[in-house]
């Protein structure tokens, strides 16, 4: 009997090991980039926008590839991505409102 982990359905819903390694490397690179920005002490609206963009990109990769929602019914990735967009928007709004104070 064949294991469900080696079935063709599993491979197609999670991509290939090579794709997963490339995405993992991109996530590590993005994490290192945000860490370096933090260590330098950079601040301001442009830096905040950059960090939020990187965070959104990382979240998108995680949702679509590691959570295997890329090939899921459209409703599920839309819910997850919509939630992430809402959270990032609220953080951005709070930051923007804080600048005016």
C-alpha atoms as a PDB file:
ATOM      1  CA  UNK A   1       0.000   0.000   0.000  1.00  0.00           C
ATOM      2  CA  UNK A   2       1.337   3.405  -0.966  1.00  0.00           C
ATOM      3  CA  UNK A   3       1.740   6.127   1.652  1.00  0.00           C
ATOM      4  CA  UNK A   4      -0.536   9.144   1.273  1.00  0.00           C
ATOM      5  CA  UNK A   5       2.508  11.404   1.629  1.00  0.00           C
ATOM      6  CA  UNK A   6       4.023  10.093  -1.588  1.00  0.00           C
ATOM      7  CA  UNK A   7       0.809  10.162  -3.599  1.00  0.00           C
ATOM      8  CA  UNK A   8       0.604  12.383  -6.672  1.00  0.00           C
ATOM      9  CA  UNK A   9      -2.169  14.425  -5.027  1.00  0.00           C
ATOM     10  CA  UNK A  10       0.152  15.398  -2.163  1.00  0.00           C
ATOM     11  CA  UNK A  11       2.893  16.437  -4.541  1.00  0.00           C
ATOM     12  CA  UNK A  12       0.551  18.574  -6.628  1.00  0.00           C
ATOM     13  CA  UNK A  13      -1.065  20.353  -3.678  1.00  0.00           C
ATOM     14  CA  UNK A  14       2.247  21.284  -2.017  1.00  0.00           C
ATOM     15  CA  UNK A  15       4.463  21.853  -5.057  1.00  0.00           C
ATOM     16  CA  UNK A  16       7.869  20.305  -5.536  1.00  0.00           C
ATOM     17  CA  UNK A  17      10.667  20.038  -2.981  1.00  0.00           C
ATOM     18  CA  UNK A  18      12.737  22.380  -5.176  1.00  0.00           C
ATOM     19  CA  UNK A  19       9.972  25.018  -5.103  1.00  0.00           C
ATOM     20  CA  UNK A  20       9.656  24.658  -1.332  1.00  0.00           C
ATOM     21  CA  UNK A  21      13.425  25.154  -0.932  1.00  0.00           C
ATOM     22  CA  UNK A  22      13.378  28.277  -3.116  1.00  0.00           C
ATOM     23  CA  UNK A  23      10.464  29.725  -1.164  1.00  0.00           C
ATOM     24  CA  UNK A  24      12.176  28.862   2.122  1.00  0.00           C
ATOM     25  CA  UNK A  25      15.325  30.673   0.942  1.00  0.00           C
ATOM     26  CA  UNK A  26      13.254  33.711  -0.093  1.00  0.00           C
ATOM     27  CA  UNK A  27      11.575  33.767   3.332  1.00  0.00           C
ATOM     28  CA  UNK A  28      14.951  33.566   5.078  1.00  0.00           C
ATOM     29  CA  UNK A  29      16.328  36.363   2.875  1.00  0.00           C
ATOM     30  CA  UNK A  30      13.299  38.578   3.585  1.00  0.00           C
ATOM     31  CA  UNK A  31      13.613  37.899   7.318  1.00  0.00           C
ATOM     32  CA  UNK A  32      17.308  38.788   7.269  1.00  0.00           C
ATOM     33  CA  UNK A  33      16.538  41.977   5.329  1.00  0.00           C
ATOM     34  CA  UNK A  34      13.937  43.126   7.874  1.00  0.00           C
ATOM     35  CA  UNK A  35      16.296  42.237  10.727  1.00  0.00           C
ATOM     36  CA  UNK A  36      19.074  44.317   9.134  1.00  0.00           C
ATOM     37  CA  UNK A  37      16.742  47.304   8.757  1.00  0.00           C
ATOM     38  CA  UNK A  38      15.813  46.985  12.426  1.00  0.00           C
ATOM     39  CA  UNK A  39      19.424  46.699  13.532  1.00  0.00           C
ATOM     40  CA  UNK A  40      20.353  49.835  11.604  1.00  0.00           C
ATOM     41  CA  UNK A  41      17.593  51.706  13.404  1.00  0.00           C
ATOM     42  CA  UNK A  42      16.006  53.007  10.224  1.00  0.00           C
ATOM     43  CA  UNK A  43      12.592  54.592  10.678  1.00  0.00           C
ATOM     44  CA  UNK A  44      10.014  56.671   8.888  1.00  0.00           C
ATOM     45  CA  UNK A  45       7.082  56.137   6.561  1.00  0.00           C
ATOM     46  CA  UNK A  46       9.157  54.762   3.666  1.00  0.00           C
ATOM     47  CA  UNK A  47      10.886  52.181   5.873  1.00  0.00           C
ATOM     48  CA  UNK A  48       7.582  51.212   7.461  1.00  0.00           C
ATOM     49  CA  UNK A  49       6.015  50.771   4.003  1.00  0.00           C
ATOM     50  CA  UNK A  50       8.973  48.620   2.956  1.00  0.00           C
ATOM     51  CA  UNK A  51       8.693  46.428   6.061  1.00  0.00           C
ATOM     52  CA  UNK A  52       4.929  46.041   5.646  1.00  0.00           C
ATOM     53  CA  UNK A  53       5.383  45.112   1.983  1.00  0.00           C
ATOM     54  CA  UNK A  54       7.970  42.483   2.896  1.00  0.00           C
ATOM     55  CA  UNK A  55       5.715  41.129   5.653  1.00  0.00           C
ATOM     56  CA  UNK A  56       2.782  40.934   3.238  1.00  0.00           C
ATOM     57  CA  UNK A  57       4.897  39.135   0.622  1.00  0.00           C
ATOM     58  CA  UNK A  58       6.139  36.640   3.228  1.00  0.00           C
ATOM     59  CA  UNK A  59       2.603  36.026   4.443  1.00  0.00           C
ATOM     60  CA  UNK A  60       1.411  35.466   0.882  1.00  0.00           C
ATOM     61  CA  UNK A  61       4.105  32.851   0.266  1.00  0.00           C
ATOM     62  CA  UNK A  62       3.273  31.086   3.516  1.00  0.00           C
ATOM     63  CA  UNK A  63      -0.473  31.106   2.869  1.00  0.00           C
ATOM     64  CA  UNK A  64      -0.285  29.976  -0.736  1.00  0.00           C
ATOM     65  CA  UNK A  65       2.585  27.495  -0.566  1.00  0.00           C
ATOM     66  CA  UNK A  66       3.189  26.234   2.968  1.00  0.00           C
ATOM     67  CA  UNK A  67      -0.505  26.173   3.842  1.00  0.00           C
ATOM     68  CA  UNK A  68      -1.107  24.654   0.363  1.00  0.00           C
ATOM     69  CA  UNK A  69      -3.881  27.082  -0.525  1.00  0.00           C
ATOM     70  CA  UNK A  70      -2.502  27.844  -4.000  1.00  0.00           C
ATOM     71  CA  UNK A  71      -4.565  25.037  -5.529  1.00  0.00           C
ATOM     72  CA  UNK A  72      -7.367  25.036  -2.970  1.00  0.00           C
ATOM     73  CA  UNK A  73     -10.880  26.187  -3.862  1.00  0.00           C
ATOM     74  CA  UNK A  74     -10.757  29.952  -4.440  1.00  0.00           C
ATOM     75  CA  UNK A  75     -12.710  30.788  -1.294  1.00  0.00           C
ATOM     76  CA  UNK A  76      -9.964  29.555   1.072  1.00  0.00           C
ATOM     77  CA  UNK A  77      -7.004  31.544  -0.248  1.00  0.00           C
ATOM     78  CA  UNK A  78      -9.240  34.614  -0.566  1.00  0.00           C
ATOM     79  CA  UNK A  79     -10.270  34.331   3.083  1.00  0.00           C
ATOM     80  CA  UNK A  80      -6.683  33.931   4.291  1.00  0.00           C
ATOM     81  CA  UNK A  81      -5.254  36.645   2.030  1.00  0.00           C
ATOM     82  CA  UNK A  82      -8.163  38.958   2.810  1.00  0.00           C
ATOM     83  CA  UNK A  83      -7.547  38.545   6.531  1.00  0.00           C
ATOM     84  CA  UNK A  84      -3.862  39.305   6.069  1.00  0.00           C
ATOM     85  CA  UNK A  85      -4.714  42.378   3.972  1.00  0.00           C
ATOM     86  CA  UNK A  86      -7.106  43.570   6.675  1.00  0.00           C
ATOM     87  CA  UNK A  87      -4.521  43.138   9.445  1.00  0.00           C
ATOM     88  CA  UNK A  88      -1.756  44.849   7.440  1.00  0.00           C
ATOM     89  CA  UNK A  89      -4.131  47.686   6.549  1.00  0.00           C
ATOM     90  CA  UNK A  90      -5.086  48.198  10.194  1.00  0.00           C
ATOM     91  CA  UNK A  91      -1.412  48.288  11.211  1.00  0.00           C
ATOM     92  CA  UNK A  92      -0.701  50.790   8.424  1.00  0.00           C
ATOM     93  CA  UNK A  93      -3.689  52.916   9.441  1.00  0.00           C
ATOM     94  CA  UNK A  94      -2.593  52.911  13.081  1.00  0.00           C
ATOM     95  CA  UNK A  95       0.905  53.965  12.018  1.00  0.00           C
ATOM     96  CA  UNK A  96      -0.419  56.725   9.773  1.00  0.00           C
ATOM     97  CA  UNK A  97      -2.771  58.015  12.492  1.00  0.00           C
ATOM     98  CA  UNK A  98       0.149  57.969  14.936  1.00  0.00           C
ATOM     99  CA  UNK A  99       2.160  60.229  12.631  1.00  0.00           C
ATOM    100  CA  UNK A 100      -0.519  62.909  12.822  1.00  0.00           C
ATOM    101  CA  UNK A 101      -0.497  62.956  16.617  1.00  0.00           C
END
